[in-house]
Amino acid sequence: MKQLSPFFVVVGETPTMTICEAPVICNGVARIHRFGILWDEDHDKRIVSVANHLVINGDILHICRIGERKGILTIWSVSLVSWFYENIEVDGDVWGVDHERQTTTDRDLLLGVTTTYVDCAVEV
């Protein structure tokens, strides 16, 4: 598997999504959180720096997937919580942020990207 970041590891790939795992602390317990990075046709690698930011700040715990299309970052989360971003700067560009509530699909279940962070995270 390829390495995208020092802050998370790639555990699987499809043509349109990379499945990643990152260490998180949940209720004082170290866990591994699984999330997806969705790729559009231009495969903009700058989304990796967004994922890094989310992991470093501990925000990834509530996120099941992220994706960028035409300068808009979409964050799929288990709930629409108020601390999420309205805009985010990525390598000098400002991306707008769209928030979507994650729903489970059969594909998500197969990939291990689920709707609740408790399901996404496993104890280490």
PDB file of N, CA and C in Angstrom:
ATOM      1  N   MET A   1       0.840  -1.191   0.000  1.00  0.00           N
ATOM      2  CA  MET A   1       0.000   0.000   0.000  1.00  0.00           C
ATOM      3  C   MET A   1       0.877   1.243   0.000  1.00  0.00           C
ATOM      4  N   LYS A   2       0.395   2.268  -0.655  1.00  0.00           N
ATOM      5  CA  LYS A   2       1.154   3.513  -0.680  1.00  0.00           C
ATOM      6  C   LYS A   2       0.960   4.282   0.625  1.00  0.00           C
ATOM      7  N   GLN A   3       1.932   5.104   0.948  1.00  0.00           N
ATOM      8  CA  GLN A   3       1.884   5.941   2.136  1.00  0.00           C
ATOM      9  C   GLN A   3       1.574   7.367   1.701  1.00  0.00           C
ATOM     10  N   LEU A   4       0.469   7.926   2.188  1.00  0.00           N
ATOM     11  CA  LEU A   4       0.091   9.296   1.842  1.00  0.00           C
ATOM     12  C   LEU A   4       0.526  10.310   2.889  1.00  0.00           C
ATOM     13  N   SER A   5       0.645   9.852   4.147  1.00  0.00           N
ATOM     14  CA  SER A   5       0.835  10.780   5.250  1.00  0.00           C
ATOM     15  C   SER A   5       1.559  10.112   6.409  1.00  0.00           C
ATOM     16  N   PRO A   6       2.304  10.881   7.191  1.00  0.00           N
ATOM     17  CA  PRO A   6       2.874  10.320   8.414  1.00  0.00           C
ATOM     18  C   PRO A   6       1.846  10.222   9.540  1.00  0.00           C
ATOM     19  N   PHE A   7       0.643  10.778   9.343  1.00  0.00           N
ATOM     20  CA  PHE A   7      -0.370  10.824  10.390  1.00  0.00           C
ATOM     21  C   PHE A   7      -1.461   9.762  10.259  1.00  0.00           C
ATOM     22  N   PHE A   8      -1.537   9.098   9.118  1.00  0.00           N
ATOM     23  CA  PHE A   8      -2.495   8.010   8.933  1.00  0.00           C
ATOM     24  C   PHE A   8      -1.946   7.033   7.903  1.00  0.00           C
ATOM     25  N   VAL A   9      -2.512   5.838   7.902  1.00  0.00           N
ATOM     26  CA  VAL A   9      -2.053   4.812   6.962  1.00  0.00           C
ATOM     27  C   VAL A   9      -3.182   4.450   6.007  1.00  0.00           C
ATOM     28  N   VAL A  10      -2.793   4.038   4.821  1.00  0.00           N
ATOM     29  CA  VAL A  10      -3.736   3.570   3.811  1.00  0.00           C
ATOM     30  C   VAL A  10      -3.938   2.070   4.037  1.00  0.00           C
ATOM     31  N   VAL A  11      -5.213   1.655   4.159  1.00  0.00           N
ATOM     32  CA  VAL A  11      -5.511   0.230   4.379  1.00  0.00           C
ATOM     33  C   VAL A  11      -6.294  -0.391   3.232  1.00  0.00           C
ATOM     34  N   GLY A  12      -6.709   0.418   2.268  1.00  0.00           N
ATOM     35  CA  GLY A  12      -7.428  -0.107   1.122  1.00  0.00           C
ATOM     36  C   GLY A  12      -7.698   0.983   0.104  1.00  0.00           C
ATOM     37  N   GLU A  13      -7.995   0.554  -1.117  1.00  0.00           N
ATOM     38  CA  GLU A  13      -8.264   1.526  -2.186  1.00  0.00           C
ATOM     39  C   GLU A  13      -9.283   0.976  -3.167  1.00  0.00           C
ATOM     40  N   THR A  14     -10.067   1.888  -3.693  1.00  0.00           N
ATOM     41  CA  THR A  14     -10.909   1.625  -4.851  1.00  0.00           C
ATOM     42  C   THR A  14     -10.505   2.699  -5.864  1.00  0.00           C
ATOM     43  N   PRO A  15     -11.020   2.665  -7.072  1.00  0.00           N
ATOM     44  CA  PRO A  15     -10.664   3.732  -8.019  1.00  0.00           C
ATOM     45  C   PRO A  15     -11.061   5.135  -7.547  1.00  0.00           C
ATOM     46  N   THR A  16     -12.091   5.238  -6.703  1.00  0.00           N
ATOM     47  CA  THR A  16     -12.567   6.559  -6.296  1.00  0.00           C
ATOM     48  C   THR A  16     -12.394   6.865  -4.812  1.00  0.00           C
ATOM     49  N   MET A  17     -11.907   5.922  -4.013  1.00  0.00           N
ATOM     50  CA  MET A  17     -11.761   6.179  -2.586  1.00  0.00           C
ATOM     51  C   MET A  17     -10.542   5.455  -2.032  1.00  0.00           C
ATOM     52  N   THR A  18      -9.849   6.151  -1.128  1.00  0.00           N
ATOM     53  CA  THR A  18      -8.755   5.559  -0.365  1.00  0.00           C
ATOM     54  C   THR A  18      -9.241   5.400   1.063  1.00  0.00           C
ATOM     55  N   ILE A  19      -9.111   4.208   1.612  1.00  0.00           N
ATOM     56  CA  ILE A  19      -9.536   3.923   2.971  1.00  0.00           C
ATOM     57  C   ILE A  19      -8.314   4.054   3.871  1.00  0.00           C
ATOM     58  N   CYS A  20      -8.447   4.871   4.916  1.00  0.00           N
ATOM     59  CA  CYS A  20      -7.322   5.205   5.784  1.00  0.00           C
ATOM     60  C   CYS A  20      -7.664   4.905   7.241  1.00  0.00           C
ATOM     61  N   GLU A  21      -6.626   4.757   8.049  1.00  0.00           N
ATOM     62  CA  GLU A  21      -6.792   4.601   9.487  1.00  0.00           C
ATOM     63  C   GLU A  21      -5.842   5.560  10.190  1.00  0.00           C
ATOM     64  N   ALA A  22      -6.359   6.191  11.260  1.00  0.00           N
ATOM     65  CA  ALA A  22      -5.570   7.155  12.029  1.00  0.00           C
ATOM     66  C   ALA A  22      -5.743   6.860  13.512  1.00  0.00           C
ATOM     67  N   PRO A  23      -4.702   7.101  14.296  1.00  0.00           N
ATOM     68  CA  PRO A  23      -4.843   6.944  15.748  1.00  0.00           C
ATOM     69  C   PRO A  23      -5.653   8.105  16.318  1.00  0.00           C
ATOM     70  N   VAL A  24      -6.561   7.787  17.247  1.00  0.00           N
ATOM     71  CA  VAL A  24      -7.371   8.806  17.914  1.00  0.00           C
ATOM     72  C   VAL A  24      -7.503   8.438  19.388  1.00  0.00           C
ATOM     73  N   ILE A  25      -7.900   9.412  20.181  1.00  0.00           N
ATOM     74  CA  ILE A  25      -8.240   9.176  21.579  1.00  0.00           C
ATOM     75  C   ILE A  25      -9.736   9.400  21.703  1.00  0.00           C
ATOM     76  N   CYS A  26     -10.466   8.407  22.180  1.00  0.00           N
ATOM     77  CA  CYS A  26     -11.915   8.481  22.334  1.00  0.00           C
ATOM     78  C   CYS A  26     -12.250   8.107  23.776  1.00  0.00           C
ATOM     79  N   ASN A  27     -12.768   9.064  24.524  1.00  0.00           N
ATOM     80  CA  ASN A  27     -13.093   8.847  25.937  1.00  0.00           C
ATOM     81  C   ASN A  27     -11.899   8.306  26.711  1.00  0.00           C
ATOM     82  N   GLY A  28     -10.722   8.849  26.421  1.00  0.00           N
ATOM     83  CA  GLY A  28      -9.512   8.464  27.130  1.00  0.00           C
ATOM     84  C   GLY A  28      -8.890   7.160  26.688  1.00  0.00           C
ATOM     85  N   VAL A  29      -9.437   6.532  25.640  1.00  0.00           N
ATOM     86  CA  VAL A  29      -8.943   5.248  25.156  1.00  0.00           C
ATOM     87  C   VAL A  29      -8.336   5.433  23.764  1.00  0.00           C
ATOM     88  N   ALA A  30      -7.140   4.890  23.562  1.00  0.00           N
ATOM     89  CA  ALA A  30      -6.507   4.938  22.241  1.00  0.00           C
ATOM     90  C   ALA A  30      -7.252   4.001  21.300  1.00  0.00           C
ATOM     91  N   ARG A  31      -7.581   4.519  20.134  1.00  0.00           N
ATOM     92  CA  ARG A  31      -8.314   3.739  19.131  1.00  0.00           C
ATOM     93  C   ARG A  31      -7.741   4.016  17.753  1.00  0.00           C
ATOM     94  N   ILE A  32      -8.144   3.190  16.808  1.00  0.00           N
ATOM     95  CA  ILE A  32      -7.838   3.411  15.402  1.00  0.00           C
ATOM     96  C   ILE A  32      -9.143   3.780  14.710  1.00  0.00           C
ATOM     97  N   HIS A  33      -9.147   4.922  14.029  1.00  0.00           N
ATOM     98  CA  HIS A  33     -10.352   5.409  13.346  1.00  0.00           C
ATOM     99  C   HIS A  33     -10.185   5.221  11.846  1.00  0.00           C
ATOM    100  N   ARG A  34     -11.161   4.628  11.221  1.00  0.00           N
ATOM    101  CA  ARG A  34     -11.147   4.402   9.776  1.00  0.00           C
ATOM    102  C   ARG A  34     -11.998   5.465   9.091  1.00  0.00           C
ATOM    103  N   PHE A  35     -11.453   6.042   8.025  1.00  0.00           N
ATOM    104  CA  PHE A  35     -12.183   7.052   7.252  1.00  0.00           C
ATOM    105  C   PHE A  35     -11.796   6.932   5.782  1.00  0.00           C
ATOM    106  N   GLY A  36     -12.601   7.522   4.931  1.00  0.00           N
ATOM    107  CA  GLY A  36     -12.340   7.462   3.494  1.00  0.00           C
ATOM    108  C   GLY A  36     -12.012   8.825   2.911  1.00  0.00           C
ATOM    109  N   ILE A  37     -11.124   8.822   1.934  1.00  0.00           N
ATOM    110  CA  ILE A  37     -10.850  10.016   1.124  1.00  0.00           C
ATOM    111  C   ILE A  37     -11.401   9.732  -0.264  1.00  0.00           C
ATOM    112  N   LEU A  38     -12.411  10.517  -0.658  1.00  0.00           N
ATOM    113  CA  LEU A  38     -13.009  10.364  -1.986  1.00  0.00           C
ATOM    114  C   LEU A  38     -12.228  11.203  -2.989  1.00  0.00           C
ATOM    115  N   TRP A  39     -11.970  10.626  -4.149  1.00  0.00           N
ATOM    116  CA  TRP A  39     -11.215  11.310  -5.205  1.00  0.00           C
ATOM    117  C   TRP A  39     -12.144  11.633  -6.364  1.00  0.00           C
ATOM    118  N   ASP A  40     -12.010  12.845  -6.903  1.00  0.00           N
ATOM    119  CA  ASP A  40     -12.739  13.167  -8.125  1.00  0.00           C
ATOM    120  C   ASP A  40     -11.808  12.960  -9.311  1.00  0.00           C
ATOM    121  N   GLU A  41     -12.233  13.431 -10.481  1.00  0.00           N
ATOM    122  CA  GLU A  41     -11.466  13.135 -11.693  1.00  0.00           C
ATOM    123  C   GLU A  41     -10.071  13.755 -11.720  1.00  0.00           C
ATOM    124  N   ASP A  42      -9.846  14.879 -11.035  1.00  0.00           N
ATOM    125  CA  ASP A  42      -8.506  15.471 -11.068  1.00  0.00           C
ATOM    126  C   ASP A  42      -7.577  14.938  -9.979  1.00  0.00           C
ATOM    127  N   HIS A  43      -8.118  14.130  -9.061  1.00  0.00           N
ATOM    128  CA  HIS A  43      -7.314  13.442  -8.043  1.00  0.00           C
ATOM    129  C   HIS A  43      -6.384  14.422  -7.310  1.00  0.00           C
ATOM    130  N   ASP A  44      -6.952  15.534  -6.823  1.00  0.00           N
ATOM    131  CA  ASP A  44      -6.188  16.597  -6.176  1.00  0.00           C
ATOM    132  C   ASP A  44      -5.606  16.111  -4.848  1.00  0.00           C
ATOM    133  N   LYS A  45      -4.302  15.919  -4.829  1.00  0.00           N
ATOM    134  CA  LYS A  45      -3.617  15.369  -3.653  1.00  0.00           C
ATOM    135  C   LYS A  45      -3.614  16.335  -2.466  1.00  0.00           C
ATOM    136  N   ARG A  46      -4.005  17.592  -2.684  1.00  0.00           N
ATOM    137  CA  ARG A  46      -4.037  18.540  -1.570  1.00  0.00           C
ATOM    138  C   ARG A  46      -5.036  18.134  -0.496  1.00  0.00           C
ATOM    139  N   ILE A  47      -5.962  17.261  -0.823  1.00  0.00           N
ATOM    140  CA  ILE A  47      -6.910  16.807   0.186  1.00  0.00           C
ATOM    141  C   ILE A  47      -6.198  16.030   1.303  1.00  0.00           C
ATOM    142  N   VAL A  48      -5.021  15.491   0.993  1.00  0.00           N
ATOM    143  CA  VAL A  48      -4.233  14.802   2.024  1.00  0.00           C
ATOM    144  C   VAL A  48      -3.829  15.782   3.120  1.00  0.00           C
ATOM    145  N   SER A  49      -3.489  17.022   2.757  1.00  0.00           N
ATOM    146  CA  SER A  49      -3.138  18.003   3.788  1.00  0.00           C
ATOM    147  C   SER A  49      -4.355  18.356   4.645  1.00  0.00           C
ATOM    148  N   VAL A  50      -5.553  18.310   4.063  1.00  0.00           N
ATOM    149  CA  VAL A  50      -6.778  18.517   4.841  1.00  0.00           C
ATOM    150  C   VAL A  50      -6.954  17.357   5.821  1.00  0.00           C
ATOM    151  N   ALA A  51      -6.774  16.133   5.350  1.00  0.00           N
ATOM    152  CA  ALA A  51      -6.880  14.967   6.237  1.00  0.00           C
ATOM    153  C   ALA A  51      -5.846  15.054   7.361  1.00  0.00           C
ATOM    154  N   ASN A  52      -4.624  15.461   7.031  1.00  0.00           N
ATOM    155  CA  ASN A  52      -3.595  15.643   8.063  1.00  0.00           C
ATOM    156  C   ASN A  52      -4.064  16.622   9.133  1.00  0.00           C
ATOM    157  N   HIS A  53      -4.597  17.754   8.698  1.00  0.00           N
ATOM    158  CA  HIS A  53      -5.096  18.779   9.613  1.00  0.00           C
ATOM    159  C   HIS A  53      -6.190  18.216  10.527  1.00  0.00           C
ATOM    160  N   LEU A  54      -7.112  17.468   9.958  1.00  0.00           N
ATOM    161  CA  LEU A  54      -8.213  16.888  10.740  1.00  0.00           C
ATOM    162  C   LEU A  54      -7.702  15.869  11.755  1.00  0.00           C
ATOM    163  N   VAL A  55      -6.700  15.075  11.361  1.00  0.00           N
ATOM    164  CA  VAL A  55      -6.125  14.088  12.282  1.00  0.00           C
ATOM    165  C   VAL A  55      -5.379  14.793  13.411  1.00  0.00           C
ATOM    166  N   ILE A  56      -4.526  15.738  13.072  1.00  0.00           N
ATOM    167  CA  ILE A  56      -3.716  16.442  14.073  1.00  0.00           C
ATOM    168  C   ILE A  56      -4.598  17.167  15.088  1.00  0.00           C
ATOM    169  N   ASN A  57      -5.689  17.777  14.630  1.00  0.00           N
ATOM    170  CA  ASN A  57      -6.588  18.514  15.522  1.00  0.00           C
ATOM    171  C   ASN A  57      -7.594  17.624  16.246  1.00  0.00           C
ATOM    172  N   GLY A  58      -7.603  16.334  15.960  1.00  0.00           N
ATOM    173  CA  GLY A  58      -8.543  15.427  16.611  1.00  0.00           C
ATOM    174  C   GLY A  58      -9.941  15.469  16.036  1.00  0.00           C
ATOM    175  N   ASP A  59     -10.140  16.209  14.948  1.00  0.00           N
ATOM    176  CA  ASP A  59     -11.471  16.336  14.352  1.00  0.00           C
ATOM    177  C   ASP A  59     -11.865  15.126  13.510  1.00  0.00           C
ATOM    178  N   ILE A  60     -10.904  14.306  13.135  1.00  0.00           N
ATOM    179  CA  ILE A  60     -11.186  13.167  12.260  1.00  0.00           C
ATOM    180  C   ILE A  60     -12.112  12.152  12.926  1.00  0.00           C
ATOM    181  N   LEU A  61     -12.139  12.136  14.248  1.00  0.00           N
ATOM    182  CA  LEU A  61     -12.932  11.152  14.995  1.00  0.00           C
ATOM    183  C   LEU A  61     -14.401  11.148  14.591  1.00  0.00           C
ATOM    184  N   HIS A  62     -14.941  12.294  14.235  1.00  0.00           N
ATOM    185  CA  HIS A  62     -16.367  12.405  13.895  1.00  0.00           C
ATOM    186  C   HIS A  62     -16.630  12.282  12.401  1.00  0.00           C
ATOM    187  N   ILE A  63     -15.587  12.046  11.628  1.00  0.00           N
ATOM    188  CA  ILE A  63     -15.696  12.073  10.172  1.00  0.00           C
ATOM    189  C   ILE A  63     -15.543  10.677   9.596  1.00  0.00           C
ATOM    190  N   CYS A  64     -16.441  10.307   8.698  1.00  0.00           N
ATOM    191  CA  CYS A  64     -16.354   9.018   8.026  1.00  0.00           C
ATOM    192  C   CYS A  64     -15.706   9.134   6.647  1.00  0.00           C
ATOM    193  N   ARG A  65     -15.826  10.287   6.001  1.00  0.00           N
ATOM    194  CA  ARG A  65     -15.165  10.475   4.711  1.00  0.00           C
ATOM    195  C   ARG A  65     -15.064  11.956   4.387  1.00  0.00           C
ATOM    196  N   ILE A  66     -14.075  12.262   3.529  1.00  0.00           N
ATOM    197  CA  ILE A  66     -13.911  13.621   3.017  1.00  0.00           C
ATOM    198  C   ILE A  66     -13.662  13.520   1.518  1.00  0.00           C
ATOM    199  N   GLY A  67     -14.023  14.563   0.811  1.00  0.00           N
ATOM    200  CA  GLY A  67     -13.776  14.606  -0.624  1.00  0.00           C
ATOM    201  C   GLY A  67     -13.767  16.043  -1.112  1.00  0.00           C
ATOM    202  N   GLU A  68     -13.079  16.273  -2.231  1.00  0.00           N
ATOM    203  CA  GLU A  68     -13.012  17.616  -2.814  1.00  0.00           C
ATOM    204  C   GLU A  68     -13.463  17.536  -4.265  1.00  0.00           C
ATOM    205  N   ARG A  69     -14.256  18.530  -4.658  1.00  0.00           N
ATOM    206  CA  ARG A  69     -14.672  18.639  -6.057  1.00  0.00           C
ATOM    207  C   ARG A  69     -14.849  20.115  -6.371  1.00  0.00           C
ATOM    208  N   LYS A  70     -14.118  20.581  -7.384  1.00  0.00           N
ATOM    209  CA  LYS A  70     -14.210  21.967  -7.860  1.00  0.00           C
ATOM    210  C   LYS A  70     -14.043  22.990  -6.730  1.00  0.00           C
ATOM    211  N   GLY A  71     -13.060  22.756  -5.855  1.00  0.00           N
ATOM    212  CA  GLY A  71     -12.753  23.715  -4.794  1.00  0.00           C
ATOM    213  C   GLY A  71     -13.695  23.692  -3.610  1.00  0.00           C
ATOM    214  N   ILE A  72     -14.552  22.690  -3.537  1.00  0.00           N
ATOM    215  CA  ILE A  72     -15.446  22.541  -2.392  1.00  0.00           C
ATOM    216  C   ILE A  72     -15.084  21.241  -1.677  1.00  0.00           C
ATOM    217  N   LEU A  73     -14.760  21.343  -0.397  1.00  0.00           N
ATOM    218  CA  LEU A  73     -14.484  20.183   0.430  1.00  0.00           C
ATOM    219  C   LEU A  73     -15.800  19.705   1.015  1.00  0.00           C
ATOM    220  N   THR A  74     -16.108  18.423   0.863  1.00  0.00           N
ATOM    221  CA  THR A  74     -17.294  17.847   1.492  1.00  0.00           C
ATOM    222  C   THR A  74     -16.833  16.945   2.613  1.00  0.00           C
ATOM    223  N   ILE A  75     -17.450  17.137   3.786  1.00  0.00           N
ATOM    224  CA  ILE A  75     -17.161  16.339   4.966  1.00  0.00           C
ATOM    225  C   ILE A  75     -18.425  15.572   5.316  1.00  0.00           C
ATOM    226  N   TRP A  76     -18.326  14.243   5.309  1.00  0.00           N
ATOM    227  CA  TRP A  76     -19.431  13.398   5.743  1.00  0.00           C
ATOM    228  C   TRP A  76     -19.146  13.004   7.184  1.00  0.00           C
ATOM    229  N   SER A  77     -20.057  13.344   8.067  1.00  0.00           N
ATOM    230  CA  SER A  77     -19.847  13.072   9.483  1.00  0.00           C
ATOM    231  C   SER A  77     -21.052  12.352  10.061  1.00  0.00           C
ATOM    232  N   VAL A  78     -20.867  11.859  11.280  1.00  0.00           N
ATOM    233  CA  VAL A  78     -21.946  11.136  11.943  1.00  0.00           C
ATOM    234  C   VAL A  78     -23.047  12.080  12.393  1.00  0.00           C
ATOM    235  N   SER A  79     -22.713  13.354  12.554  1.00  0.00           N
ATOM    236  CA  SER A  79     -23.715  14.363  12.878  1.00  0.00           C
ATOM    237  C   SER A  79     -23.200  15.708  12.391  1.00  0.00           C
ATOM    238  N   LEU A  80     -24.089  16.634  12.205  1.00  0.00           N
ATOM    239  CA  LEU A  80     -23.680  17.973  11.782  1.00  0.00           C
ATOM    240  C   LEU A  80     -23.400  18.795  13.035  1.00  0.00           C
ATOM    241  N   VAL A  81     -22.172  18.765  13.479  1.00  0.00           N
ATOM    242  CA  VAL A  81     -21.814  19.456  14.703  1.00  0.00           C
ATOM    243  C   VAL A  81     -21.321  20.857  14.397  1.00  0.00           C
ATOM    244  N   SER A  82     -21.467  21.750  15.360  1.00  0.00           N
ATOM    245  CA  SER A  82     -21.250  23.169  15.110  1.00  0.00           C
ATOM    246  C   SER A  82     -19.790  23.561  14.918  1.00  0.00           C
ATOM    247  N   TRP A  83     -18.841  22.741  15.357  1.00  0.00           N
ATOM    248  CA  TRP A  83     -17.438  23.153  15.263  1.00  0.00           C
ATOM    249  C   TRP A  83     -16.839  22.939  13.878  1.00  0.00           C
ATOM    250  N   PHE A  84     -17.577  22.377  12.969  1.00  0.00           N
ATOM    251  CA  PHE A  84     -17.014  22.130  11.649  1.00  0.00           C
ATOM    252  C   PHE A  84     -16.700  23.438  10.936  1.00  0.00           C
ATOM    253  N   TYR A  85     -15.889  23.327   9.932  1.00  0.00           N
ATOM    254  CA  TYR A  85     -15.341  24.463   9.210  1.00  0.00           C
ATOM    255  C   TYR A  85     -16.326  25.006   8.177  1.00  0.00           C
ATOM    256  N   GLU A  86     -16.267  26.323   7.957  1.00  0.00           N
ATOM    257  CA  GLU A  86     -17.023  26.920   6.866  1.00  0.00           C
ATOM    258  C   GLU A  86     -16.148  27.049   5.631  1.00  0.00           C
ATOM    259  N   ASN A  87     -14.877  27.349   5.847  1.00  0.00           N
ATOM    260  CA  ASN A  87     -13.870  27.420   4.789  1.00  0.00           C
ATOM    261  C   ASN A  87     -12.586  26.833   5.341  1.00  0.00           C
ATOM    262  N   ILE A  88     -11.719  26.373   4.451  1.00  0.00           N
ATOM    263  CA  ILE A  88     -10.427  25.869   4.878  1.00  0.00           C
ATOM    264  C   ILE A  88      -9.396  26.269   3.831  1.00  0.00           C
ATOM    265  N   GLU A  89      -8.236  26.738   4.299  1.00  0.00           N
ATOM    266  CA  GLU A  89      -7.172  27.125   3.380  1.00  0.00           C
ATOM    267  C   GLU A  89      -6.316  25.913   3.067  1.00  0.00           C
ATOM    268  N   VAL A  90      -6.096  25.685   1.780  1.00  0.00           N
ATOM    269  CA  VAL A  90      -5.311  24.549   1.316  1.00  0.00           C
ATOM    270  C   VAL A  90      -4.270  25.052   0.331  1.00  0.00           C
ATOM    271  N   ASP A  91      -3.027  25.061   0.755  1.00  0.00           N
ATOM    272  CA  ASP A  91      -1.915  25.502  -0.101  1.00  0.00           C
ATOM    273  C   ASP A  91      -2.194  26.830  -0.800  1.00  0.00           C
ATOM    274  N   GLY A  92      -2.678  27.805  -0.033  1.00  0.00           N
ATOM    275  CA  GLY A  92      -2.914  29.137  -0.584  1.00  0.00           C
ATOM    276  C   GLY A  92      -4.281  29.346  -1.205  1.00  0.00           C
ATOM    277  N   ASP A  93      -5.033  28.275  -1.443  1.00  0.00           N
ATOM    278  CA  ASP A  93      -6.403  28.389  -1.964  1.00  0.00           C
ATOM    279  C   ASP A  93      -7.386  28.244  -0.806  1.00  0.00           C
ATOM    280  N   VAL A  94      -8.512  28.918  -0.901  1.00  0.00           N
ATOM    281  CA  VAL A  94      -9.559  28.755   0.101  1.00  0.00           C
ATOM    282  C   VAL A  94     -10.654  27.884  -0.501  1.00  0.00           C
ATOM    283  N   TRP A  95     -10.907  26.755   0.161  1.00  0.00           N
ATOM    284  CA  TRP A  95     -11.973  25.855  -0.272  1.00  0.00           C
ATOM    285  C   TRP A  95     -13.186  26.091   0.618  1.00  0.00           C
ATOM    286  N   GLY A  96     -14.354  26.183   0.005  1.00  0.00           N
ATOM    287  CA  GLY A  96     -15.585  26.169   0.776  1.00  0.00           C
ATOM    288  C   GLY A  96     -15.790  24.775   1.343  1.00  0.00           C
ATOM    289  N   VAL A  97     -16.591  24.667   2.387  1.00  0.00           N
ATOM    290  CA  VAL A  97     -16.824  23.370   3.025  1.00  0.00           C
ATOM    291  C   VAL A  97     -18.314  23.076   3.039  1.00  0.00           C
ATOM    292  N   ASP A  98     -18.662  21.903   2.560  1.00  0.00           N
ATOM    293  CA  ASP A  98     -20.040  21.414   2.574  1.00  0.00           C
ATOM    294  C   ASP A  98     -20.098  20.273   3.577  1.00  0.00           C
ATOM    295  N   HIS A  99     -21.106  20.272   4.424  1.00  0.00           N
ATOM    296  CA  HIS A  99     -21.251  19.250   5.452  1.00  0.00           C
ATOM    297  C   HIS A  99     -22.423  18.341   5.100  1.00  0.00           C
ATOM    298  N   GLU A 100     -22.170  17.058   5.140  1.00  0.00           N
ATOM    299  CA  GLU A 100     -23.222  16.074   4.857  1.00  0.00           C
ATOM    300  C   GLU A 100     -23.286  15.088   6.011  1.00  0.00           C
ATOM    301  N   ARG A 101     -24.490  14.686   6.359  1.00  0.00           N
ATOM    302  CA  ARG A 101     -24.627  13.652   7.377  1.00  0.00           C
ATOM    303  C   ARG A 101     -24.394  12.316   6.702  1.00  0.00           C
ATOM    304  N   GLN A 102     -23.495  11.526   7.267  1.00  0.00           N
ATOM    305  CA  GLN A 102     -23.147  10.219   6.705  1.00  0.00           C
ATOM    306  C   GLN A 102     -24.305   9.245   6.863  1.00  0.00           C
ATOM    307  N   THR A 103     -24.606   8.544   5.798  1.00  0.00           N
ATOM    308  CA  THR A 103     -25.542   7.426   5.866  1.00  0.00           C
ATOM    309  C   THR A 103     -24.810   6.193   5.369  1.00  0.00           C
ATOM    310  N   THR A 104     -25.193   5.065   5.880  1.00  0.00           N
ATOM    311  CA  THR A 104     -24.505   3.828   5.525  1.00  0.00           C
ATOM    312  C   THR A 104     -25.040   3.273   4.218  1.00  0.00           C
ATOM    313  N   THR A 105     -24.123   2.820   3.368  1.00  0.00           N
ATOM    314  CA  THR A 105     -24.484   2.087   2.169  1.00  0.00           C
ATOM    315  C   THR A 105     -23.816   0.719   2.251  1.00  0.00           C
ATOM    316  N   ASP A 106     -24.247  -0.209   1.448  1.00  0.00           N
ATOM    317  CA  ASP A 106     -23.607  -1.524   1.427  1.00  0.00           C
ATOM    318  C   ASP A 106     -22.125  -1.394   1.113  1.00  0.00           C
ATOM    319  N   ARG A 107     -21.776  -0.488   0.212  1.00  0.00           N
ATOM    320  CA  ARG A 107     -20.370  -0.280  -0.152  1.00  0.00           C
ATOM    321  C   ARG A 107     -19.556   0.179   1.061  1.00  0.00           C
ATOM    322  N   ASP A 108     -20.142   1.112   1.860  1.00  0.00           N
ATOM    323  CA  ASP A 108     -19.453   1.577   3.056  1.00  0.00           C
ATOM    324  C   ASP A 108     -19.198   0.437   4.030  1.00  0.00           C
ATOM    325  N   LEU A 109     -20.200  -0.410   4.200  1.00  0.00           N
ATOM    326  CA  LEU A 109     -20.041  -1.525   5.131  1.00  0.00           C
ATOM    327  C   LEU A 109     -18.939  -2.470   4.672  1.00  0.00           C
ATOM    328  N   LEU A 110     -18.868  -2.708   3.378  1.00  0.00           N
ATOM    329  CA  LEU A 110     -17.811  -3.564   2.849  1.00  0.00           C
ATOM    330  C   LEU A 110     -16.432  -2.958   3.086  1.00  0.00           C
ATOM    331  N   LEU A 111     -16.334  -1.631   2.977  1.00  0.00           N
ATOM    332  CA  LEU A 111     -15.056  -0.956   3.145  1.00  0.00           C
ATOM    333  C   LEU A 111     -14.741  -0.670   4.611  1.00  0.00           C
ATOM    334  N   GLY A 112     -15.703  -0.856   5.494  1.00  0.00           N
ATOM    335  CA  GLY A 112     -15.473  -0.603   6.909  1.00  0.00           C
ATOM    336  C   GLY A 112     -15.637   0.854   7.289  1.00  0.00           C
ATOM    337  N   VAL A 113     -16.212   1.671   6.412  1.00  0.00           N
ATOM    338  CA  VAL A 113     -16.468   3.074   6.717  1.00  0.00           C
ATOM    339  C   VAL A 113     -17.940   3.160   7.090  1.00  0.00           C
ATOM    340  N   THR A 114     -18.225   3.332   8.372  1.00  0.00           N
ATOM    341  CA  THR A 114     -19.595   3.234   8.859  1.00  0.00           C
ATOM    342  C   THR A 114     -20.099   4.562   9.394  1.00  0.00           C
ATOM    343  N   THR A 115     -21.311   4.560   9.928  1.00  0.00           N
ATOM    344  CA  THR A 115     -21.964   5.822  10.267  1.00  0.00           C
ATOM    345  C   THR A 115     -21.686   6.319  11.668  1.00  0.00           C
ATOM    346  N   THR A 116     -21.150   5.538  12.540  1.00  0.00           N
ATOM    347  CA  THR A 116     -20.891   6.037  13.884  1.00  0.00           C
ATOM    348  C   THR A 116     -19.426   5.905  14.222  1.00  0.00           C
ATOM    349  N   TYR A 117     -18.904   6.903  14.907  1.00  0.00           N
ATOM    350  CA  TYR A 117     -17.473   6.860  15.190  1.00  0.00           C
ATOM    351  C   TYR A 117     -17.131   5.713  16.120  1.00  0.00           C
ATOM    352  N   VAL A 118     -18.081   5.244  16.909  1.00  0.00           N
ATOM    353  CA  VAL A 118     -17.827   4.080  17.756  1.00  0.00           C
ATOM    354  C   VAL A 118     -17.581   2.858  16.864  1.00  0.00           C
ATOM    355  N   ASP A 119     -18.365   2.716  15.794  1.00  0.00           N
ATOM    356  CA  ASP A 119     -18.162   1.609  14.866  1.00  0.00           C
ATOM    357  C   ASP A 119     -16.883   1.793  14.049  1.00  0.00           C
ATOM    358  N   CYS A 120     -16.525   3.036  13.738  1.00  0.00           N
ATOM    359  CA  CYS A 120     -15.353   3.303  12.919  1.00  0.00           C
ATOM    360  C   CYS A 120     -14.055   3.057  13.690  1.00  0.00           C
ATOM    361  N   ALA A 121     -14.098   3.176  14.991  1.00  0.00           N
ATOM    362  CA  ALA A 121     -12.886   3.108  15.795  1.00  0.00           C
ATOM    363  C   ALA A 121     -12.804   1.764  16.533  1.00  0.00           C
ATOM    364  N   VAL A 122     -11.635   1.190  16.534  1.00  0.00           N
ATOM    365  CA  VAL A 122     -11.427  -0.068  17.273  1.00  0.00           C
ATOM    366  C   VAL A 122     -10.309   0.140  18.296  1.00  0.00           C
ATOM    367  N   GLU A 123     -10.446  -0.500  19.457  1.00  0.00           N
ATOM    368  CA  GLU A 123      -9.429  -0.352  20.484  1.00  0.00           C
ATOM    369  C   GLU A 123      -8.116  -0.939  20.054  1.00  0.00           C
ATOM    370  N   VAL A 124      -7.025  -0.315  20.481  1.00  0.00           N
ATOM    371  CA  VAL A 124      -5.691  -0.843  20.204  1.00  0.00           C
ATOM    372  C   VAL A 124      -5.043  -1.311  21.485  1.00  0.00           C
TER     373      VAL A 124
END
